[in-house]
Structure formats: C-alpha cells, structure tokens
C-alpha atoms as a PDB file:
ATOM      1  CA  MET A   1     -33.830  12.262  37.464  1.00  0.00           C
ATOM      2  CA  PRO A   2     -32.577  12.381  33.855  1.00  0.00           C
ATOM      3  CA  THR A   3     -29.995  14.918  32.706  1.00  0.00           C
ATOM      4  CA  THR A   4     -30.484  16.354  29.215  1.00  0.00           C
ATOM      5  CA  THR A   5     -27.987  17.693  26.666  1.00  0.00           C
ATOM      6  CA  LYS A   6     -28.987  19.183  23.303  1.00  0.00           C
ATOM      7  CA  ASN A   7     -27.004  19.764  20.103  1.00  0.00           C
ATOM      8  CA  PRO A   8     -28.117  20.364  16.495  1.00  0.00           C
ATOM      9  CA  PHE A   9     -28.096  16.659  15.636  1.00  0.00           C
ATOM     10  CA  HIS A  10     -29.839  14.872  18.493  1.00  0.00           C
ATOM     11  CA  HIS A  11     -31.253  14.990  21.992  1.00  0.00           C
ATOM     12  CA  LEU A  12     -29.627  12.758  24.591  1.00  0.00           C
ATOM     13  CA  GLN A  13     -30.974  11.688  27.973  1.00  0.00           C
ATOM     14  CA  TRP A  14     -29.237   9.555  30.547  1.00  0.00           C
ATOM     15  CA  ASP A  15     -29.955   8.526  34.091  1.00  0.00           C
ATOM     16  CA  SER A  16     -28.460   6.667  37.038  1.00  0.00           C
ATOM     17  CA  ASP A  17     -29.182   3.183  35.629  1.00  0.00           C
ATOM     18  CA  GLY A  18     -26.358   3.614  33.077  1.00  0.00           C
ATOM     19  CA  LYS A  19     -28.586   3.835  30.025  1.00  0.00           C
ATOM     20  CA  ALA A  20     -28.681   6.657  27.507  1.00  0.00           C
ATOM     21  CA  VAL A  21     -31.496   7.413  25.076  1.00  0.00           C
ATOM     22  CA  PHE A  22     -30.808   9.208  21.797  1.00  0.00           C
ATOM     23  CA  HIS A  23     -33.648  11.093  20.128  1.00  0.00           C
ATOM     24  CA  THR A  24     -32.698  12.018  16.581  1.00  0.00           C
ATOM     25  CA  ALA A  25     -34.084  14.978  14.655  1.00  0.00           C
ATOM     26  CA  ASP A  26     -36.149  12.635  12.468  1.00  0.00           C
ATOM     27  CA  GLY A  27     -37.807  10.987  15.493  1.00  0.00           C
ATOM     28  CA  ASP A  28     -35.753   7.798  15.808  1.00  0.00           C
ATOM     29  CA  ARG A  29     -34.834   6.589  19.279  1.00  0.00           C
ATOM     30  CA  PHE A  30     -31.809   4.495  20.323  1.00  0.00           C
ATOM     31  CA  VAL A  31     -30.927   3.119  23.754  1.00  0.00           C
ATOM     32  CA  LYS A  32     -27.235   2.580  24.579  1.00  0.00           C
ATOM     33  CA  ASP A  33     -25.095   2.076  27.648  1.00  0.00           C
ATOM     34  CA  VAL A  34     -23.546   5.349  28.819  1.00  0.00           C
ATOM     35  CA  ALA A  35     -20.072   3.810  28.360  1.00  0.00           C
ATOM     36  CA  GLU A  36     -20.889   3.129  24.691  1.00  0.00           C
ATOM     37  CA  VAL A  37     -22.083   6.697  24.249  1.00  0.00           C
ATOM     38  CA  VAL A  38     -18.832   8.031  25.687  1.00  0.00           C
ATOM     39  CA  GLU A  39     -16.867   5.781  23.310  1.00  0.00           C
ATOM     40  CA  ILE A  40     -18.944   7.007  20.357  1.00  0.00           C
ATOM     41  CA  ILE A  41     -18.378  10.650  21.308  1.00  0.00           C
ATOM     42  CA  GLN A  42     -14.635  10.067  21.802  1.00  0.00           C
ATOM     43  CA  ALA A  43     -14.395   8.293  18.445  1.00  0.00           C
ATOM     44  CA  GLU A  44     -16.214  11.162  16.731  1.00  0.00           C
ATOM     45  CA  GLU A  45     -13.905  13.716  18.353  1.00  0.00           C
ATOM     46  CA  ALA A  46     -10.862  11.681  17.297  1.00  0.00           C
ATOM     47  CA  LYS A  47     -12.272  11.524  13.755  1.00  0.00           C
ATOM     48  CA  LYS A  48     -12.712  15.317  13.717  1.00  0.00           C
ATOM     49  CA  ALA A  49      -9.175  15.814  15.049  1.00  0.00           C
ATOM     50  CA  GLY A  50      -7.858  13.369  12.457  1.00  0.00           C
ATOM     51  CA  SER A  51      -9.712  15.182   9.700  1.00  0.00           C
ATOM     52  CA  SER A  52      -8.158  18.455  10.806  1.00  0.00           C
ATOM     53  CA  LYS A  53      -4.697  16.852  10.787  1.00  0.00           C
ATOM     54  CA  VAL A  54      -5.274  15.504   7.290  1.00  0.00           C
ATOM     55  CA  GLN A  55      -6.414  18.933   6.035  1.00  0.00           C
ATOM     56  CA  THR A  56      -3.287  20.503   7.541  1.00  0.00           C
ATOM     57  CA  ALA A  57      -1.134  17.743   6.034  1.00  0.00           C
ATOM     58  CA  VAL A  58      -2.655  18.186   2.572  1.00  0.00           C
ATOM     59  CA  ALA A  59      -2.089  21.955   2.666  1.00  0.00           C
ATOM     60  CA  ALA A  60       1.528  21.457   3.774  1.00  0.00           C
ATOM     61  CA  LEU A  61       2.016  18.788   1.091  1.00  0.00           C
ATOM     62  CA  PHE A  62       0.760  21.059  -1.692  1.00  0.00           C
ATOM     63  CA  ARG A  63       3.040  23.874  -0.498  1.00  0.00           C
ATOM     64  CA  ALA A  64       6.053  21.536  -0.510  1.00  0.00           C
ATOM     65  CA  LEU A  65       5.177  20.101  -3.929  1.00  0.00           C
ATOM     66  CA  ASP A  66       4.614  23.559  -5.407  1.00  0.00           C
ATOM     67  CA  GLU A  67       8.001  24.736  -4.143  1.00  0.00           C
ATOM     68  CA  TRP A  68       9.709  21.667  -5.583  1.00  0.00           C
ATOM     69  CA  ILE A  69       7.911  21.908  -8.933  1.00  0.00           C
ATOM     70  CA  VAL A  70       8.726  25.607  -9.321  1.00  0.00           C
ATOM     71  CA  ALA A  71      12.386  24.940  -8.472  1.00  0.00           C
ATOM     72  CA  ASN A  72      12.564  22.064 -10.999  1.00  0.00           C
ATOM     73  CA  ARG A  73      10.233  23.204 -13.769  1.00  0.00           C
ATOM     74  CA  GLU A  74      13.135  23.533 -16.233  1.00  0.00           C
ATOM     75  CA  ARG A  75      13.728  19.772 -15.916  1.00  0.00           C
ATOM     76  CA  ILE A  76      10.127  18.469 -16.098  1.00  0.00           C
ATOM     77  CA  THR A  77       7.292  18.556 -18.630  1.00  0.00           C
ATOM     78  CA  ALA A  78       4.477  17.375 -16.367  1.00  0.00           C
ATOM     79  CA  ALA A  79       3.711  16.769 -12.701  1.00  0.00           C
ATOM     80  CA  TRP A  80       0.841  14.658 -11.428  1.00  0.00           C
ATOM     81  CA  LEU A  81      -0.418  13.835  -7.960  1.00  0.00           C
ATOM     82  CA  THR A  82      -2.071  10.454  -8.046  1.00  0.00           C
ATOM     83  CA  GLU A  83      -2.434   7.413  -5.839  1.00  0.00           C
ATOM     84  CA  HIS A  84      -0.317   4.329  -6.289  1.00  0.00           C
ATOM     85  CA  ASP A  85       0.267   1.334  -3.994  1.00  0.00           C
ATOM     86  CA  ARG A  86      -1.898   2.794  -1.184  1.00  0.00           C
ATOM     87  CA  ALA A  87       0.028   6.067  -1.101  1.00  0.00           C
ATOM     88  CA  LEU A  88      -0.035   9.397  -2.834  1.00  0.00           C
ATOM     89  CA  LEU A  89       2.423   9.591  -5.687  1.00  0.00           C
ATOM     90  CA  LEU A  90       4.066  12.641  -7.185  1.00  0.00           C
ATOM     91  CA  LEU A  91       4.718  11.511 -10.750  1.00  0.00           C
ATOM     92  CA  VAL A  92       6.938  13.796 -12.766  1.00  0.00           C
ATOM     93  CA  VAL A  93       7.762  13.472 -16.431  1.00  0.00           C
ATOM     94  CA  GLN A  94      11.283  14.659 -17.059  1.00  0.00           C
ATOM     95  CA  LYS A  95      12.178  16.644 -20.164  1.00  0.00           C
ATOM     96  CA  SER A  96      15.052  14.328 -20.919  1.00  0.00           C
ATOM     97  CA  ASP A  97      14.443  10.847 -22.306  1.00  0.00           C
ATOM     98  CA  THR A  98      17.549   9.606 -20.469  1.00  0.00           C
ATOM     99  CA  TYR A  99      18.388   9.470 -16.771  1.00  0.00           C
ATOM    100  CA  ASP A 100      18.576  12.947 -15.180  1.00  0.00           C
ATOM    101  CA  GLN A 101      20.831  12.667 -12.138  1.00  0.00           C
ATOM    102  CA  ALA A 102      20.184  16.215 -10.906  1.00  0.00           C
ATOM    103  CA  LEU A 103      16.423  15.660 -11.026  1.00  0.00           C
ATOM    104  CA  SER A 104      16.800  12.313  -9.280  1.00  0.00           C
ATOM    105  CA  GLU A 105      18.852  13.888  -6.480  1.00  0.00           C
ATOM    106  CA  SER A 106      16.297  16.660  -6.143  1.00  0.00           C
ATOM    107  CA  LEU A 107      13.516  14.058  -5.809  1.00  0.00           C
ATOM    108  CA  VAL A 108      15.505  12.255  -3.096  1.00  0.00           C
ATOM    109  CA  SER A 109      15.738  15.550  -1.200  1.00  0.00           C
ATOM    110  CA  LEU A 110      11.988  16.041  -1.635  1.00  0.00           C
ATOM    111  CA  ASP A 111      11.354  12.496  -0.379  1.00  0.00           C
ATOM    112  CA  GLU A 112      13.397  13.234   2.733  1.00  0.00           C
ATOM    113  CA  ARG A 113      11.594  16.515   3.318  1.00  0.00           C
ATOM    114  CA  LEU A 114       8.165  14.902   2.984  1.00  0.00           C
ATOM    115  CA  ALA A 115       9.124  12.018   5.276  1.00  0.00           C
ATOM    116  CA  LEU A 116      10.539  14.283   7.991  1.00  0.00           C
ATOM    117  CA  ASP A 117       7.941  17.072   7.913  1.00  0.00           C
ATOM    118  CA  ALA A 118       5.744  16.626  10.984  1.00  0.00           C
ATOM    119  CA  GLU A 119       2.800  18.387   9.311  1.00  0.00           C
ATOM    120  CA  ILE A 120       2.859  16.005   6.338  1.00  0.00           C
ATOM    121  CA  ALA A 121       3.398  12.903   8.504  1.00  0.00           C
ATOM    122  CA  PRO A 122      -0.269  11.704   8.384  1.00  0.00           C
ATOM    123  CA  LEU A 123       0.149  11.178   4.619  1.00  0.00           C
ATOM    124  CA  ARG A 124       2.314   8.622   2.842  1.00  0.00           C
ATOM    125  CA  VAL A 125       3.793  10.222  -0.252  1.00  0.00           C
ATOM    126  CA  ASP A 126       6.101   8.634  -2.817  1.00  0.00           C
ATOM    127  CA  THR A 127       7.826  10.266  -5.769  1.00  0.00           C
ATOM    128  CA  LEU A 128       8.737   8.966  -9.195  1.00  0.00           C
ATOM    129  CA  ALA A 129      10.321  10.506 -12.277  1.00  0.00           C
ATOM    130  CA  ILE A 130       9.833   8.906 -15.660  1.00  0.00           C
ATOM    131  CA  PRO A 131      11.427   9.805 -18.994  1.00  0.00           C
ATOM    132  CA  SER A 132       9.545  11.754 -21.611  1.00  0.00           C
ATOM    133  CA  TRP A 133       8.252   9.030 -23.959  1.00  0.00           C
ATOM    134  CA  GLY A 134       4.810  10.328 -24.798  1.00  0.00           C
ATOM    135  CA  ASP A 135       1.579   9.742 -22.843  1.00  0.00           C
ATOM    136  CA  ALA A 136       1.562   5.934 -22.615  1.00  0.00           C
ATOM    137  CA  PRO A 137       4.159   5.435 -19.841  1.00  0.00           C
ATOM    138  CA  GLN A 138       2.655   8.011 -17.480  1.00  0.00           C
ATOM    139  CA  SER A 139      -0.849   6.601 -17.858  1.00  0.00           C
ATOM    140  CA  THR A 140       0.505   3.335 -16.440  1.00  0.00           C
ATOM    141  CA  PHE A 141       1.137   5.092 -13.120  1.00  0.00           C
ATOM    142  CA  LEU A 142      -1.978   7.275 -12.946  1.00  0.00           C
ATOM    143  CA  SER A 143      -4.825   6.078 -10.759  1.00  0.00           C
ATOM    144  CA  ARG A 144      -8.317   6.160 -12.192  1.00  0.00           C
ATOM    145  CA  ARG A 145      -9.560   7.646  -8.882  1.00  0.00           C
ATOM    146  CA  LEU A 146      -7.072  10.498  -8.506  1.00  0.00           C
ATOM    147  CA  GLN A 147      -5.286  12.421 -11.244  1.00  0.00           C
ATOM    148  CA  LEU A 148      -4.291  15.959 -10.328  1.00  0.00           C
ATOM    149  CA  ARG A 149      -2.079  17.593 -12.911  1.00  0.00           C
ATOM    150  CA  ARG A 150      -0.032  20.618 -11.881  1.00  0.00           C
ATOM    151  CA  LYS A 151       0.179  23.400 -14.446  1.00  0.00           C
ATOM    152  CA  LEU A 152       3.790  24.229 -15.148  1.00  0.00           C
ATOM    153  CA  GLY A 153       3.404  27.400 -17.174  1.00  0.00           C
END
C-alpha cells in the first residue's frame, strides 16, 4: 500500500518495490528509485543549509568591512567590494599617492580577521589598497558583475 507525503511543491508516493512517483503541481509525473529521492532531498537540504551559511557569512563580512572602513576612513578615498580571481575583493583607494604603511598593516590585520572568522569562512575575501591616481587604476580591478561602492561620508 503506498504511503503519501504532501508539501506545497509536489505530491510524492512510494511503495515497497523501491519506486517513488512525483506528481508536480503542474501535472507532470516522474518515477525515481527511493534511494535517488532521498539523495535529492538530502542535497536540497544541504543547499538550504549552505545558503543560510552564506547569508550569515555575508552579513558578518559586511559588519567586519564596515568596522574597518570606519576605522580607516581618514586614510582612504573609496572602498569597493568586487570580485577578482574567483574571490571577493575589498578594493580601497588610499588618499596618499605613495605607499601608506599604516594602511597596509591595517589591511593585513583585516585579512587575518577575515581568514580566521568562522562565520566568514564560507567566503574567500582578498584585500587590496591602491594609490589615488584617478579612476583608471581602480577600474582595472573592478569586476563587471559586482561593483559595490561603500559611501565614506
């Protein structure tokens, strides 16, 4: 005798022969082995859990970046979050057009914090400071897909 489970997305029946039948809301029907169904459900749950971890990581990342930017706003003219080399990149434009050792040391501390923070761990985040030479150098590092500029004022 089939056992039935309902949820908002589909109707599922399975019986002792190891087969499961999906009935979708739009009337489609799929037959799968029960083991495959369990794998699909587990994968979906893992995806949901991963999505939750990423949301938590992004929130923690923005808090950390905001704290760093506020603490260093006297040394920078712009801060961007972009993607670069398959990672997120905090790109900061320093006020000085020469090397700023204090800013560099502060970025190293931020790098360490981001790498060691368990909440941020699902994300790979790099940092880079460039001198203030106008808009051309920073555009070299900005991804076309992601350009989030942090207001400094």
